[in-house]
Every structure is written in structure tokens, then in C-alpha cells.
Protein backbone atom coordinates (compact mmCIF):
# COMPACT_ATOMS: atom_id res chain seq x y z
CA MET A 1 113.64 107.82 -61.53
CA ALA A 2 113.83 109.12 -57.98
CA GLU A 3 111.71 112.10 -57.05
CA GLY A 4 113.40 115.37 -57.93
CA ARG A 5 115.75 113.86 -60.49
CA PRO A 6 115.57 115.19 -64.05
CA ALA A 7 113.66 113.53 -66.84
CA PHE A 8 116.47 114.32 -69.29
CA GLY A 9 119.56 112.16 -69.46
CA ILE A 10 122.71 113.26 -67.65
CA VAL A 11 126.02 113.52 -69.49
CA ASP A 12 128.76 112.92 -66.93
CA ALA A 13 131.55 115.25 -68.08
CA HIS A 14 134.45 113.56 -66.26
CA HIS A 15 134.99 110.00 -65.08
CA HIS A 16 137.50 107.17 -65.29
CA PHE A 17 137.69 103.45 -65.98
CA TRP A 18 140.64 101.19 -65.25
CA ASP A 19 141.51 97.50 -65.24
CA LEU A 20 144.43 96.92 -62.90
CA GLU A 21 144.67 93.24 -63.81
CA ARG A 22 145.26 94.10 -67.45
CA ASN A 23 146.93 97.53 -67.47
CA TYR A 24 149.68 99.40 -65.62
CA LEU A 25 148.72 102.60 -63.80
CA PRO A 26 151.75 103.46 -61.65
CA TRP A 27 149.88 105.54 -59.07
CA LEU A 28 147.43 102.68 -58.46
CA LYS A 29 149.98 99.87 -58.62
CA ASP A 30 153.25 101.12 -57.16
CA GLU A 31 154.34 101.67 -53.57
CA PRO A 32 154.44 103.91 -51.70
CA PRO A 33 151.22 105.81 -52.50
CA ILE A 34 151.78 109.33 -53.79
CA PRO A 35 150.43 112.41 -51.94
CA PHE A 36 146.79 112.99 -52.89
CA ARG A 37 144.33 115.78 -52.15
CA TYR A 38 141.76 113.36 -50.72
CA GLY A 39 144.31 111.61 -48.52
CA ASP A 40 144.39 107.81 -48.47
CA TYR A 41 143.34 106.59 -51.91
CA ARG A 42 144.10 102.90 -51.47
CA PRO A 43 140.38 102.01 -51.80
CA LEU A 44 140.75 103.00 -55.48
CA ARG A 45 143.21 100.16 -56.06
CA ARG A 46 140.62 97.91 -57.63
CA ASN A 47 139.20 97.53 -61.10
CA TYR A 48 136.66 100.16 -62.08
CA LEU A 49 134.78 99.20 -65.23
CA PRO A 50 131.38 99.95 -66.83
CA ALA A 51 129.53 97.50 -64.58
CA ASP A 52 130.92 99.28 -61.52
CA TYR A 53 129.94 102.66 -62.93
CA ALA A 54 126.43 101.37 -63.69
CA ARG A 55 126.10 100.27 -60.08
CA ASP A 56 127.26 103.62 -58.77
CA THR A 57 124.95 105.61 -61.06
CA ALA A 58 121.85 103.48 -60.48
CA GLY A 59 118.76 105.66 -60.35
CA PHE A 60 120.15 108.24 -62.77
CA ALA A 61 119.65 108.24 -66.52
CA ILE A 62 123.19 108.43 -67.93
CA ALA A 63 122.91 109.54 -71.54
CA GLY A 64 126.62 109.93 -72.18
CA SER A 65 129.97 110.41 -70.53
CA VAL A 66 133.50 111.74 -70.95
CA PHE A 67 136.41 109.46 -70.09
CA VAL A 68 139.50 111.32 -68.91
CA GLU A 69 143.00 109.83 -68.91
CA THR A 70 144.00 108.01 -65.74
CA GLU A 71 147.78 108.49 -65.34
CA TRP A 72 148.26 105.33 -67.40
CA ASP A 73 151.79 104.07 -68.08
CA ARG A 74 153.42 107.18 -69.59
CA ARG A 75 155.57 105.02 -71.88
CA ASP A 76 152.43 104.06 -73.84
CA PRO A 77 149.87 106.90 -73.85
CA VAL A 78 148.15 105.68 -77.00
CA GLY A 79 147.64 102.28 -75.37
CA GLU A 80 145.05 103.79 -73.06
CA THR A 81 143.18 105.32 -75.97
CA ARG A 82 143.13 101.99 -77.76
CA TRP A 83 141.93 100.21 -74.63
CA ILE A 84 139.12 102.66 -73.84
CA HIS A 85 137.81 102.35 -77.39
CA GLU A 86 137.53 98.61 -76.80
CA ILE A 87 135.56 99.33 -73.63
CA ALA A 88 133.26 101.77 -75.45
CA ALA A 89 132.61 99.28 -78.24
CA THR A 90 131.26 96.71 -75.80
CA SER A 91 129.59 98.90 -73.15
CA GLY A 92 128.37 102.01 -74.99
CA LEU A 93 130.38 104.32 -72.71
CA PRO A 94 132.23 106.60 -72.80
CA SER A 95 130.87 108.91 -75.49
CA ALA A 96 134.05 111.01 -75.68
CA VAL A 97 137.68 110.58 -74.64
CA VAL A 98 140.27 112.97 -73.24
CA ALA A 99 143.63 111.30 -73.83
CA HIS A 100 147.11 112.04 -72.52
CA ALA A 101 150.07 113.49 -74.38
CA ALA A 102 153.18 114.94 -72.76
CA LEU A 103 153.18 118.34 -74.43
CA ASP A 104 156.78 119.14 -73.56
CA GLN A 105 158.25 115.94 -75.02
CA ALA A 106 159.93 115.58 -78.41
CA GLU A 107 157.48 112.94 -79.67
CA VAL A 108 154.35 114.98 -78.91
CA ALA A 109 153.42 115.53 -82.59
CA GLU A 110 153.39 111.79 -83.26
CA VAL A 111 151.40 111.04 -80.10
CA LEU A 112 148.80 113.69 -80.89
CA GLY A 113 148.46 112.41 -84.44
CA ALA A 114 147.89 108.89 -83.16
CA HIS A 115 145.26 109.99 -80.65
CA ALA A 116 143.46 112.06 -83.28
CA GLY A 117 143.02 108.94 -85.38
CA PHE A 118 140.61 107.43 -82.84
CA PRO A 119 136.95 108.39 -83.32
CA LEU A 120 136.08 109.24 -79.70
CA VAL A 121 139.11 111.38 -78.88
CA ARG A 122 138.09 115.00 -78.38
CA GLY A 123 140.84 116.43 -76.23
CA ILE A 124 144.10 116.06 -74.35
CA ARG A 125 145.03 116.38 -70.70
CA HIS A 126 148.59 116.95 -69.55
CA LYS A 127 148.78 118.34 -66.03
CA PRO A 128 151.27 121.22 -66.14
CA ALA A 129 153.90 121.59 -63.44
CA ALA A 130 152.42 123.45 -60.49
CA ALA A 131 153.62 125.13 -57.31
CA ALA A 132 152.53 123.73 -53.97
CA GLU A 133 151.12 127.06 -52.79
CA PRO A 134 150.26 130.49 -54.20
CA GLY A 135 153.44 132.17 -53.01
CA ALA A 136 155.68 129.60 -54.71
CA VAL A 137 154.54 130.16 -58.33
CA GLU A 138 157.52 130.40 -60.70
CA ARG A 139 156.50 131.78 -64.07
CA GLY A 140 157.95 129.82 -66.98
CA ALA A 141 159.10 126.90 -64.84
CA PRO A 142 159.95 123.69 -66.76
CA GLY A 143 156.77 121.79 -67.57
CA SER A 144 154.50 124.70 -66.65
CA MET A 145 152.04 126.54 -68.89
CA GLY A 146 154.67 129.21 -69.43
CA ASP A 147 157.42 126.80 -70.45
CA PRO A 148 158.26 127.38 -74.16
CA ALA A 149 158.66 123.64 -74.76
CA TRP A 150 155.25 122.92 -73.19
CA ARG A 151 153.67 125.69 -75.26
CA ARG A 152 155.15 124.32 -78.49
CA GLY A 153 153.30 121.09 -77.84
CA TYR A 154 150.14 122.93 -76.86
CA ALA A 155 150.23 124.85 -80.14
CA LEU A 156 149.75 121.56 -82.01
CA LEU A 157 146.33 120.86 -80.50
CA GLU A 158 144.44 123.19 -82.81
CA ARG A 159 145.64 121.53 -86.01
CA HIS A 160 144.03 118.29 -84.81
CA GLY A 161 140.86 119.99 -83.56
CA LEU A 162 141.62 118.90 -79.99
CA SER A 163 140.50 120.68 -76.84
CA PHE A 164 142.59 120.83 -73.68
CA ASP A 165 141.51 119.64 -70.23
CA LEU A 166 143.41 121.71 -67.67
CA GLN A 167 143.93 120.45 -64.14
CA THR A 168 145.87 122.92 -62.03
CA PRO A 169 145.47 124.73 -58.69
CA TRP A 170 143.70 128.06 -58.82
CA TRP A 171 146.90 130.02 -58.21
CA HIS A 172 148.00 129.08 -61.75
CA LEU A 173 144.84 130.37 -63.42
CA ALA A 174 146.44 133.68 -64.38
CA GLU A 175 148.84 131.64 -66.53
CA ALA A 176 145.87 129.73 -67.91
CA ALA A 177 144.20 133.00 -68.89
CA GLU A 178 147.33 133.99 -70.80
CA LEU A 179 147.38 130.57 -72.48
CA ALA A 180 143.76 130.99 -73.54
CA ALA A 181 144.47 134.44 -74.96
CA ASP A 182 147.56 133.30 -76.84
CA PHE A 183 145.79 130.29 -78.37
CA PRO A 184 142.20 131.45 -78.91
CA GLY A 185 141.42 128.60 -81.30
CA THR A 186 141.87 125.94 -78.62
CA GLN A 187 139.03 125.21 -76.19
CA ILE A 188 140.18 124.87 -72.57
CA ILE A 189 138.08 122.95 -70.06
CA LEU A 190 139.13 123.64 -66.48
CA ASN A 191 138.97 120.46 -64.40
CA HIS A 192 137.59 120.11 -60.89
CA THR A 193 136.37 123.67 -60.37
CA GLY A 194 139.89 125.06 -60.10
CA LEU A 195 140.62 122.93 -57.01
CA PRO A 196 139.23 125.14 -54.19
CA ALA A 197 140.68 122.92 -51.46
CA ASP A 198 141.46 125.79 -49.06
CA ARG A 199 138.08 126.80 -47.67
CA SER A 200 139.43 129.55 -45.43
CA PRO A 201 138.11 133.06 -46.24
CA ALA A 202 141.47 134.04 -47.72
CA GLY A 203 141.68 130.83 -49.73
CA LEU A 204 138.20 131.27 -51.17
CA ASP A 205 138.86 134.93 -51.98
CA GLY A 206 141.95 133.90 -53.93
CA TRP A 207 140.06 131.14 -55.73
CA ARG A 208 137.17 133.45 -56.67
CA ALA A 209 139.50 136.14 -58.04
CA ALA A 210 141.43 133.57 -60.07
CA MET A 211 138.24 132.05 -61.47
CA ARG A 212 136.93 135.49 -62.47
CA ARG A 213 140.19 136.23 -64.29
CA LEU A 214 140.06 132.95 -66.21
CA ALA A 215 136.36 133.30 -67.05
CA GLU A 216 137.15 136.46 -69.00
CA ALA A 217 138.53 134.20 -71.74
CA PRO A 218 135.67 133.12 -74.02
CA ASN A 219 137.39 129.85 -74.97
CA VAL A 220 137.37 128.48 -71.41
CA ALA A 221 134.70 126.28 -69.80
CA VAL A 222 134.67 124.61 -66.39
CA LYS A 223 133.76 121.23 -64.99
CA ILE A 224 132.14 121.36 -61.56
CA SER A 225 133.54 118.31 -59.79
CA GLY A 226 136.30 117.37 -57.39
CA ILE A 227 135.04 119.63 -54.59
CA GLY A 228 135.01 117.17 -51.74
CA VAL A 229 136.77 118.08 -48.49
CA PRO A 230 138.85 115.31 -46.86
CA GLY A 231 137.47 114.15 -43.55
CA ARG A 232 134.09 115.81 -44.05
CA PRO A 233 130.92 114.53 -45.70
CA TRP A 234 129.96 116.03 -49.06
CA THR A 235 127.15 118.44 -48.20
CA VAL A 236 125.16 121.14 -49.93
CA ALA A 237 126.06 123.48 -47.09
CA ASP A 238 129.78 123.04 -47.78
CA ASN A 239 129.70 122.92 -51.55
CA GLY A 240 126.66 124.96 -52.54
CA PRO A 241 128.57 128.26 -52.46
CA ILE A 242 131.37 126.79 -54.60
CA VAL A 243 128.88 125.54 -57.20
CA ARG A 244 126.84 128.73 -57.26
CA ASP A 245 129.92 130.97 -57.48
CA THR A 246 131.29 128.91 -60.36
CA ILE A 247 128.05 129.07 -62.33
CA ALA A 248 127.74 132.80 -61.69
CA THR A 249 131.33 133.35 -62.83
CA PHE A 250 131.30 131.27 -66.00
CA GLY A 251 127.59 131.38 -66.82
CA VAL A 252 125.23 128.51 -67.54
CA ASP A 253 126.64 128.03 -71.05
CA ARG A 254 130.22 127.33 -69.94
CA ALA A 255 129.83 125.11 -66.88
CA MET A 256 129.02 121.42 -66.62
CA PHE A 257 128.61 118.88 -63.86
CA ALA A 258 130.83 115.82 -63.56
CA SER A 259 131.28 112.97 -61.11
CA ASN A 260 135.04 112.36 -61.22
CA PHE A 261 134.18 108.77 -60.35
CA PRO A 262 135.52 106.60 -58.96
CA VAL A 263 137.94 109.13 -57.42
CA ASP A 264 135.25 111.29 -55.81
CA GLY A 265 133.78 108.08 -54.45
CA LEU A 266 136.38 108.57 -51.73
CA VAL A 267 134.30 111.45 -50.34
CA ALA A 268 130.70 110.70 -51.37
CA SER A 269 128.41 108.46 -53.37
CA PHE A 270 127.42 109.42 -56.90
CA ALA A 271 123.88 109.99 -55.65
CA THR A 272 125.04 112.31 -52.87
CA ILE A 273 127.00 114.42 -55.35
CA PHE A 274 124.43 114.60 -58.12
CA ASP A 275 121.45 114.98 -55.83
CA GLY A 276 123.46 117.78 -54.25
CA PHE A 277 123.97 119.44 -57.64
CA LEU A 278 120.24 119.12 -58.27
CA GLU A 279 119.38 120.70 -54.92
CA ILE A 280 121.85 123.54 -55.41
CA THR A 281 120.40 124.37 -58.84
CA ALA A 282 116.74 123.89 -57.94
CA ASP A 283 116.01 127.59 -58.45
CA LEU A 284 117.37 127.67 -62.00
CA ALA A 285 115.22 127.44 -65.11
CA SER A 286 114.77 123.93 -66.46
CA ALA A 287 116.58 124.85 -69.69
CA ASP A 288 119.59 126.11 -67.75
CA ARG A 289 119.76 122.98 -65.63
CA GLU A 290 119.69 120.83 -68.74
CA LYS A 291 122.68 122.78 -70.07
CA LEU A 292 124.63 122.19 -66.86
CA PHE A 293 123.75 118.51 -66.57
CA ALA A 294 123.94 117.48 -70.21
CA GLN A 295 123.89 119.88 -73.12
CA ASN A 296 127.09 121.79 -72.43
CA ALA A 297 129.16 118.63 -72.15
CA ARG A 298 127.56 117.27 -75.30
CA ARG A 299 128.35 120.49 -77.21
CA ILE A 300 131.83 121.20 -75.86
CA TYR A 301 132.99 117.63 -76.33
CA ARG A 302 131.27 117.43 -79.72
CA MET A 303 129.24 114.31 -79.04
CA GLY A 304 126.55 114.97 -81.61
CA ASP A 305 122.89 114.33 -80.96
């Protein structure tokens, strides 16, 4: 273990695996590439499997992980869940699975029931429709968190004991707060720190206000990940304020660190990111750091001991 790294095992709260020789992921297979917040993502168009993850995480004690759906072929969402259980059976990771179900589609009840039958499935991710900028938000737009059809699907999560991983820009977090209030029995886990891509003073002010509004809901937690800035190295100077503000807003019991690998490998190595998290939290009590690096993910995703 490298100097300064924790003795306890890390639970990586968000990562992906894919096998492009075996499975169809349109965004990684089709041309042309889609717009992406990190820019050119063609380096991701390669298999990423447990051996690759083990190489990237060398030097860290990985005690568990959460696999999150990968925009797999939308015609067969349960196929990804079946495949990742095969991977877990042979490699020991992941420890929990966030699957995909299109909440606004007619067959959502059947898809959720199928996912719930797999032992590692803990939650669902379906990225709601989002506006490109804060001034373009249209409340109740088709496919959004305010869409009645989308909400009907969302309402089914609780009966299966499933949480919801939410990936949306910060300017939709007021809608997320309403969703959390309307469905208090469903745990929401905000992905990628609310996507604070705009680092201008005005952009950060908007992000902070939106995060404070969402954090008022007791059934919301946050994953600190996805905070790289295209064209710039991942540094503590750039990202320390984002991490510290997020922890201060949600508290040490509702935040968790995640790699988002291999996607965040476009902006930094795993070691750069996690050593950065360790440096940023060096002044916290050991018990609080263990919550952020392991215990919260284990509890929220119901991994057991």
C-alpha cells in the first residue's frame, strides 16, 4: 500500500465493464461518435474487463464496487444484467449492480421485475431528458423527471426495493428535489456530483444552489466522481473545492467517492483521482473518511458486510 493510502478497503461506488467483441453498445460501436462532456471518447472503444480494472486500480485495496449500466443495446436491457452477473461470478466484482430500465416505456414493469430477480441488482438508472443549458429547462417535457409517463415508471421502483441513480445536469436538480419529496420511499443517488462542468463563478454559484436544494431531501445521496475538466489535468487545486463543497452540502453520511472508470480515465489515472480524494480529505477524521471511501457505498447499495 502506497504511503498515505488507507488501510481499509475502498468500495468504488461507480464504474463500468464492457466487452465490445461480445456485446453491442451503440455509443461505443456506431459512427459518428455522439457529443460527450469529455470530448473525444474514441480511446474508450476497447474492451474494459476486470483484468483492466485491476491494472488501473493497482496499489489500492478494492473491497467492493458498484457496476452502473453502460448504455447497452436498449432493445435488451436485461441482457446486460445477465452478462454482468456472469462477470461477477468469475471475477468477484462488481458487488452491486445498477441496471437500466426505460421508465417511460410500456414494458417497464416487466423489465423491472426481471432485473429484480438478479441477486446483485440494487438500483436502476435511466437518464431523464435534460435541457442543454439552465435557461432552456422545460418542466414536464417528455422523458423528463416531470413527465407523467416517466413518473409512473419511477413509482414502480419502491415495490421492488430498488434505488435510483440519477444522472442529470445541475439545472434539473429542483425537479429532482420534487421527485425525492413525492417518492420518499425511493433512495436517489445523484451521479457525478451534479455535473459541475461550468467552472465560471456564475456556473459554480448555480451548481452550489442546486446542490443545496437537493440535499434538503433526506432520501438523496451523492457520488463524487465525473469532475474532470476537458483539456486540463485532474488536480486538487481544480477539484478540491468541488469535493469539499459537496461533502459540506450533503454531509459525510450521504456522499461517496467513485472512479467512473474507464470513462474518467480520459482525464486522469485512477491513482490521480483517488490520491486526490485522499489529499482533499486529509483533514477529516478517519471514521469520516472511511464512510466516504467505503461504508456509505456499502450501506446505500446494501452490500452487506
